Amino acid sequence: MVNKEKLLIDLSDAVNISDLGIKITTALENNNAEDKELHLNLGNIDLKQSQLLSIKALIEAMQSSIGRIDTTSEVTETKTALISSSTMMAENMVSTHISVHSGLQVQQHIQTM
């Protein structure tokens, strides 16, 4: 596994999903986010699983990956964990690391067999 350059994108001031979409697209373009491991700070915005999957697809279109998601939203934290579980089942022989932060640090290390 190649170590990618890490990039923190602070989206914590987004007020809704439309605002989040604009901010993440702008951040990806302005920070030359190709081939990087992105650490997203989502703040307290509640996101559905489909919205998180759209963000993930946008990031993967830039040949980048999500290394960590920071959130204070319990809804977003739960949906992020579901996506991690789905990824584990869908991908074979791949290691994924996603950390979800909600007050206390919670790290999930998922490795498919």
N, C-alpha and C. Protein backbone atom coordinates (compact mmCIF):
# COMPACT_ATOMS: atom_id res chain seq x y z
N MET A 1 0.84 -1.17 0.00
CA MET A 1 0.00 0.00 0.00
C MET A 1 0.89 1.24 0.00
N VAL A 2 0.63 2.17 -0.89
CA VAL A 2 1.42 3.39 -1.02
C VAL A 2 0.89 4.43 -0.04
N ASN A 3 1.81 5.10 0.67
CA ASN A 3 1.41 6.18 1.56
C ASN A 3 1.07 7.40 0.74
N LYS A 4 -0.18 7.84 0.82
CA LYS A 4 -0.62 9.01 0.09
C LYS A 4 -0.43 10.24 0.98
N GLU A 5 -0.24 11.38 0.33
CA GLU A 5 -0.20 12.64 1.05
C GLU A 5 -1.57 12.88 1.68
N LYS A 6 -1.58 13.34 2.93
CA LYS A 6 -2.82 13.59 3.63
C LYS A 6 -3.25 15.05 3.46
N LEU A 7 -4.56 15.25 3.39
CA LEU A 7 -5.11 16.59 3.23
C LEU A 7 -6.34 16.71 4.13
N LEU A 8 -6.33 17.69 5.04
CA LEU A 8 -7.47 17.96 5.91
C LEU A 8 -8.39 18.96 5.21
N ILE A 9 -9.66 18.60 5.11
CA ILE A 9 -10.65 19.50 4.52
C ILE A 9 -11.70 19.79 5.59
N ASP A 10 -11.75 21.04 6.05
CA ASP A 10 -12.67 21.46 7.10
C ASP A 10 -13.98 21.93 6.46
N LEU A 11 -15.01 21.13 6.64
CA LEU A 11 -16.33 21.44 6.09
C LEU A 11 -17.33 21.71 7.21
N SER A 12 -16.81 21.96 8.40
CA SER A 12 -17.65 22.06 9.60
C SER A 12 -18.61 23.25 9.58
N ASP A 13 -18.38 24.24 8.72
CA ASP A 13 -19.28 25.38 8.68
C ASP A 13 -20.39 25.22 7.62
N ALA A 14 -20.47 24.06 6.98
CA ALA A 14 -21.54 23.81 6.01
C ALA A 14 -22.87 23.73 6.76
N VAL A 15 -23.90 24.35 6.20
CA VAL A 15 -25.20 24.41 6.89
C VAL A 15 -26.20 23.39 6.35
N ASN A 16 -25.98 22.87 5.15
CA ASN A 16 -26.86 21.85 4.59
C ASN A 16 -26.09 21.07 3.53
N ILE A 17 -26.71 20.07 2.93
CA ILE A 17 -26.02 19.21 1.98
C ILE A 17 -25.61 19.97 0.72
N SER A 18 -26.41 20.92 0.28
CA SER A 18 -26.04 21.71 -0.91
C SER A 18 -24.79 22.52 -0.64
N ASP A 19 -24.77 23.17 0.51
CA ASP A 19 -23.60 23.96 0.92
C ASP A 19 -22.38 23.06 1.05
N LEU A 20 -22.58 21.88 1.63
CA LEU A 20 -21.48 20.92 1.78
C LEU A 20 -20.93 20.50 0.42
N GLY A 21 -21.82 20.23 -0.54
CA GLY A 21 -21.39 19.84 -1.88
C GLY A 21 -20.55 20.91 -2.55
N ILE A 22 -20.98 22.15 -2.43
CA ILE A 22 -20.22 23.26 -3.02
C ILE A 22 -18.86 23.39 -2.35
N LYS A 23 -18.85 23.33 -1.02
CA LYS A 23 -17.60 23.51 -0.27
C LYS A 23 -16.61 22.37 -0.55
N ILE A 24 -17.09 21.14 -0.64
CA ILE A 24 -16.17 20.02 -0.87
C ILE A 24 -15.63 20.06 -2.29
N THR A 25 -16.47 20.41 -3.27
CA THR A 25 -16.00 20.52 -4.65
C THR A 25 -14.96 21.62 -4.77
N THR A 26 -15.23 22.76 -4.16
CA THR A 26 -14.27 23.87 -4.19
C THR A 26 -12.97 23.48 -3.50
N ALA A 27 -13.06 22.83 -2.36
CA ALA A 27 -11.86 22.42 -1.62
C ALA A 27 -11.04 21.41 -2.42
N LEU A 28 -11.71 20.48 -3.08
CA LEU A 28 -10.99 19.48 -3.89
C LEU A 28 -10.26 20.16 -5.05
N GLU A 29 -10.92 21.10 -5.70
CA GLU A 29 -10.31 21.81 -6.83
C GLU A 29 -9.18 22.73 -6.39
N ASN A 30 -9.38 23.47 -5.31
CA ASN A 30 -8.39 24.45 -4.86
C ASN A 30 -7.15 23.82 -4.21
N ASN A 31 -7.29 22.61 -3.70
CA ASN A 31 -6.19 21.98 -2.99
C ASN A 31 -5.49 20.89 -3.79
N ASN A 32 -5.78 20.84 -5.09
CA ASN A 32 -5.16 19.82 -5.93
C ASN A 32 -5.23 18.46 -5.23
N ALA A 33 -6.45 18.01 -4.98
CA ALA A 33 -6.70 16.84 -4.14
C ALA A 33 -6.52 15.50 -4.83
N GLU A 34 -5.96 15.48 -6.02
CA GLU A 34 -5.76 14.21 -6.70
C GLU A 34 -4.75 13.35 -5.96
N ASP A 35 -5.08 12.06 -5.85
CA ASP A 35 -4.19 11.04 -5.28
C ASP A 35 -3.75 11.38 -3.85
N LYS A 36 -4.72 11.80 -3.03
CA LYS A 36 -4.43 12.12 -1.63
C LYS A 36 -5.39 11.38 -0.72
N GLU A 37 -4.96 11.22 0.52
CA GLU A 37 -5.83 10.67 1.56
C GLU A 37 -6.47 11.85 2.27
N LEU A 38 -7.80 11.93 2.19
CA LEU A 38 -8.50 13.08 2.71
C LEU A 38 -9.06 12.82 4.10
N HIS A 39 -8.89 13.79 4.97
CA HIS A 39 -9.46 13.76 6.31
C HIS A 39 -10.51 14.85 6.32
N LEU A 40 -11.77 14.45 6.47
CA LEU A 40 -12.89 15.38 6.38
C LEU A 40 -13.42 15.74 7.76
N ASN A 41 -13.55 17.03 8.02
CA ASN A 41 -14.21 17.51 9.24
C ASN A 41 -15.59 17.98 8.83
N LEU A 42 -16.61 17.20 9.17
CA LEU A 42 -17.98 17.50 8.74
C LEU A 42 -18.77 18.27 9.78
N GLY A 43 -18.22 18.48 10.95
CA GLY A 43 -18.95 19.22 11.98
C GLY A 43 -20.20 18.49 12.42
N ASN A 44 -21.31 19.23 12.58
CA ASN A 44 -22.52 18.66 13.14
C ASN A 44 -23.64 18.49 12.10
N ILE A 45 -23.31 18.44 10.83
CA ILE A 45 -24.33 18.26 9.80
C ILE A 45 -24.75 16.79 9.74
N ASP A 46 -26.08 16.57 9.70
CA ASP A 46 -26.62 15.21 9.61
C ASP A 46 -26.67 14.79 8.15
N LEU A 47 -25.98 13.70 7.83
CA LEU A 47 -25.94 13.20 6.46
C LEU A 47 -26.55 11.81 6.38
N LYS A 48 -27.27 11.57 5.30
CA LYS A 48 -27.82 10.25 5.01
C LYS A 48 -26.72 9.40 4.40
N GLN A 49 -26.93 8.09 4.39
CA GLN A 49 -25.96 7.18 3.81
C GLN A 49 -25.73 7.49 2.33
N SER A 50 -26.79 7.80 1.59
CA SER A 50 -26.64 8.11 0.16
C SER A 50 -25.81 9.38 -0.04
N GLN A 51 -25.93 10.35 0.85
CA GLN A 51 -25.15 11.58 0.74
C GLN A 51 -23.67 11.30 1.01
N LEU A 52 -23.39 10.46 2.00
CA LEU A 52 -22.01 10.08 2.28
C LEU A 52 -21.41 9.30 1.11
N LEU A 53 -22.22 8.43 0.51
CA LEU A 53 -21.73 7.67 -0.65
C LEU A 53 -21.44 8.60 -1.83
N SER A 54 -22.24 9.65 -1.99
CA SER A 54 -21.99 10.63 -3.05
C SER A 54 -20.68 11.37 -2.81
N ILE A 55 -20.42 11.74 -1.56
CA ILE A 55 -19.16 12.40 -1.20
C ILE A 55 -17.99 11.46 -1.48
N LYS A 56 -18.15 10.20 -1.09
CA LYS A 56 -17.10 9.20 -1.33
C LYS A 56 -16.83 9.05 -2.82
N ALA A 57 -17.88 9.00 -3.64
CA ALA A 57 -17.72 8.86 -5.10
C ALA A 57 -17.02 10.08 -5.69
N LEU A 58 -17.35 11.26 -5.21
CA LEU A 58 -16.71 12.48 -5.69
C LEU A 58 -15.21 12.45 -5.38
N ILE A 59 -14.88 12.01 -4.18
CA ILE A 59 -13.46 11.92 -3.77
C ILE A 59 -12.73 10.86 -4.58
N GLU A 60 -13.36 9.72 -4.80
CA GLU A 60 -12.73 8.66 -5.59
C GLU A 60 -12.57 9.06 -7.05
N ALA A 61 -13.44 9.94 -7.55
CA ALA A 61 -13.29 10.45 -8.92
C ALA A 61 -12.01 11.26 -9.06
N MET A 62 -11.51 11.78 -7.95
CA MET A 62 -10.25 12.54 -7.95
C MET A 62 -9.07 11.59 -7.67
N GLN A 63 -9.29 10.29 -7.75
CA GLN A 63 -8.28 9.27 -7.44
C GLN A 63 -7.74 9.43 -6.02
N SER A 64 -8.60 9.90 -5.12
CA SER A 64 -8.24 10.06 -3.72
C SER A 64 -9.09 9.12 -2.89
N SER A 65 -8.83 9.10 -1.59
CA SER A 65 -9.58 8.24 -0.69
C SER A 65 -9.87 8.98 0.61
N ILE A 66 -10.85 8.48 1.34
CA ILE A 66 -11.17 9.05 2.65
C ILE A 66 -10.34 8.30 3.69
N GLY A 67 -9.54 9.02 4.42
CA GLY A 67 -8.73 8.43 5.48
C GLY A 67 -9.41 8.52 6.83
N ARG A 68 -10.16 9.62 7.03
CA ARG A 68 -10.82 9.82 8.32
C ARG A 68 -11.97 10.80 8.12
N ILE A 69 -13.03 10.57 8.90
CA ILE A 69 -14.15 11.50 8.93
C ILE A 69 -14.35 11.92 10.38
N ASP A 70 -14.31 13.22 10.62
CA ASP A 70 -14.59 13.78 11.94
C ASP A 70 -15.99 14.36 11.91
N THR A 71 -16.81 14.00 12.90
CA THR A 71 -18.17 14.52 12.96
C THR A 71 -18.63 14.57 14.41
N THR A 72 -19.49 15.52 14.70
CA THR A 72 -20.13 15.57 16.01
C THR A 72 -21.58 15.14 15.90
N SER A 73 -22.01 14.78 14.70
CA SER A 73 -23.38 14.32 14.45
C SER A 73 -23.47 12.81 14.66
N GLU A 74 -24.35 12.40 15.57
CA GLU A 74 -24.54 10.97 15.79
C GLU A 74 -25.14 10.30 14.56
N VAL A 75 -26.00 11.01 13.83
CA VAL A 75 -26.61 10.47 12.60
C VAL A 75 -25.52 10.18 11.57
N THR A 76 -24.65 11.15 11.33
CA THR A 76 -23.57 10.98 10.36
C THR A 76 -22.60 9.90 10.82
N GLU A 77 -22.30 9.86 12.10
CA GLU A 77 -21.40 8.83 12.63
C GLU A 77 -21.95 7.43 12.38
N THR A 78 -23.25 7.25 12.62
CA THR A 78 -23.89 5.94 12.39
C THR A 78 -23.85 5.56 10.92
N LYS A 79 -24.16 6.50 10.04
CA LYS A 79 -24.17 6.21 8.60
C LYS A 79 -22.76 5.93 8.09
N THR A 80 -21.76 6.61 8.64
CA THR A 80 -20.38 6.36 8.26
C THR A 80 -19.98 4.94 8.63
N ALA A 81 -20.40 4.49 9.80
CA ALA A 81 -20.10 3.11 10.24
C ALA A 81 -20.77 2.11 9.31
N LEU A 82 -22.00 2.40 8.86
CA LEU A 82 -22.70 1.51 7.93
C LEU A 82 -21.97 1.41 6.59
N ILE A 83 -21.47 2.54 6.10
CA ILE A 83 -20.72 2.54 4.85
C ILE A 83 -19.45 1.71 5.00
N SER A 84 -18.79 1.86 6.14
CA SER A 84 -17.57 1.08 6.40
C SER A 84 -17.88 -0.41 6.38
N SER A 85 -18.99 -0.80 6.98
CA SER A 85 -19.38 -2.21 6.99
C SER A 85 -19.70 -2.71 5.58
N SER A 86 -20.40 -1.89 4.80
CA SER A 86 -20.73 -2.26 3.42
C SER A 86 -19.47 -2.40 2.58
N THR A 87 -18.53 -1.50 2.78
CA THR A 87 -17.27 -1.56 2.05
C THR A 87 -16.54 -2.85 2.38
N MET A 88 -16.56 -3.22 3.65
CA MET A 88 -15.88 -4.43 4.07
C MET A 88 -16.47 -5.66 3.36
N MET A 89 -17.79 -5.69 3.24
CA MET A 89 -18.42 -6.84 2.61
C MET A 89 -18.20 -6.84 1.10
N ALA A 90 -18.18 -5.67 0.49
CA ALA A 90 -18.12 -5.56 -0.96
C ALA A 90 -16.72 -5.76 -1.53
N GLU A 91 -15.71 -5.37 -0.79
CA GLU A 91 -14.35 -5.44 -1.30
C GLU A 91 -13.64 -6.64 -0.68
N ASN A 92 -12.95 -7.39 -1.51
CA ASN A 92 -12.24 -8.56 -1.04
C ASN A 92 -10.74 -8.27 -1.00
N MET A 93 -10.09 -8.65 0.09
CA MET A 93 -8.65 -8.50 0.24
C MET A 93 -8.19 -7.04 0.25
N VAL A 94 -9.00 -6.17 0.82
CA VAL A 94 -8.65 -4.75 0.89
C VAL A 94 -8.73 -4.32 2.34
N SER A 95 -7.82 -3.47 2.73
CA SER A 95 -7.81 -2.95 4.08
C SER A 95 -8.28 -1.50 4.06
N THR A 96 -9.24 -1.19 4.93
CA THR A 96 -9.78 0.15 5.00
C THR A 96 -9.65 0.66 6.42
N HIS A 97 -9.30 1.92 6.56
CA HIS A 97 -9.20 2.54 7.88
C HIS A 97 -10.02 3.81 7.88
N ILE A 98 -11.04 3.81 8.72
CA ILE A 98 -11.84 5.02 8.86
C ILE A 98 -11.96 5.31 10.35
N SER A 99 -11.67 6.50 10.72
CA SER A 99 -11.85 6.93 12.10
C SER A 99 -13.02 7.88 12.16
N VAL A 100 -13.89 7.65 13.09
CA VAL A 100 -15.02 8.53 13.29
C VAL A 100 -14.84 9.16 14.66
N HIS A 101 -14.94 10.46 14.73
CA HIS A 101 -14.76 11.17 15.99
C HIS A 101 -16.08 11.81 16.38
N SER A 102 -16.51 11.54 17.58
CA SER A 102 -17.71 12.17 18.12
C SER A 102 -17.46 12.36 19.61
N GLY A 103 -16.86 13.46 19.96
CA GLY A 103 -16.49 13.70 21.36
C GLY A 103 -15.26 12.87 21.68
N LEU A 104 -15.45 11.63 22.02
CA LEU A 104 -14.33 10.71 22.25
C LEU A 104 -13.89 10.12 20.93
N GLN A 105 -12.64 9.81 20.81
CA GLN A 105 -12.12 9.25 19.56
C GLN A 105 -12.53 7.78 19.46
N VAL A 106 -13.13 7.46 18.33
CA VAL A 106 -13.52 6.08 18.05
C VAL A 106 -12.83 5.70 16.76
N GLN A 107 -12.06 4.63 16.77
CA GLN A 107 -11.39 4.20 15.55
C GLN A 107 -11.91 2.81 15.19
N GLN A 108 -12.17 2.65 13.93
CA GLN A 108 -12.59 1.36 13.41
C GLN A 108 -11.54 0.90 12.42
N HIS A 109 -10.96 -0.23 12.67
CA HIS A 109 -10.03 -0.80 11.73
C HIS A 109 -10.74 -1.99 11.10
N ILE A 110 -10.99 -1.88 9.82
CA ILE A 110 -11.73 -2.90 9.12
C ILE A 110 -10.82 -3.57 8.13
N GLN A 111 -10.76 -4.86 8.20
CA GLN A 111 -9.93 -5.59 7.26
C GLN A 111 -10.71 -6.79 6.76
N THR A 112 -10.91 -6.88 5.46
CA THR A 112 -11.65 -8.01 4.91
C THR A 112 -10.77 -9.22 4.88
N MET A 113 -11.38 -10.33 4.95
CA MET A 113 -10.65 -11.61 4.93
C MET A 113 -10.74 -12.21 3.57
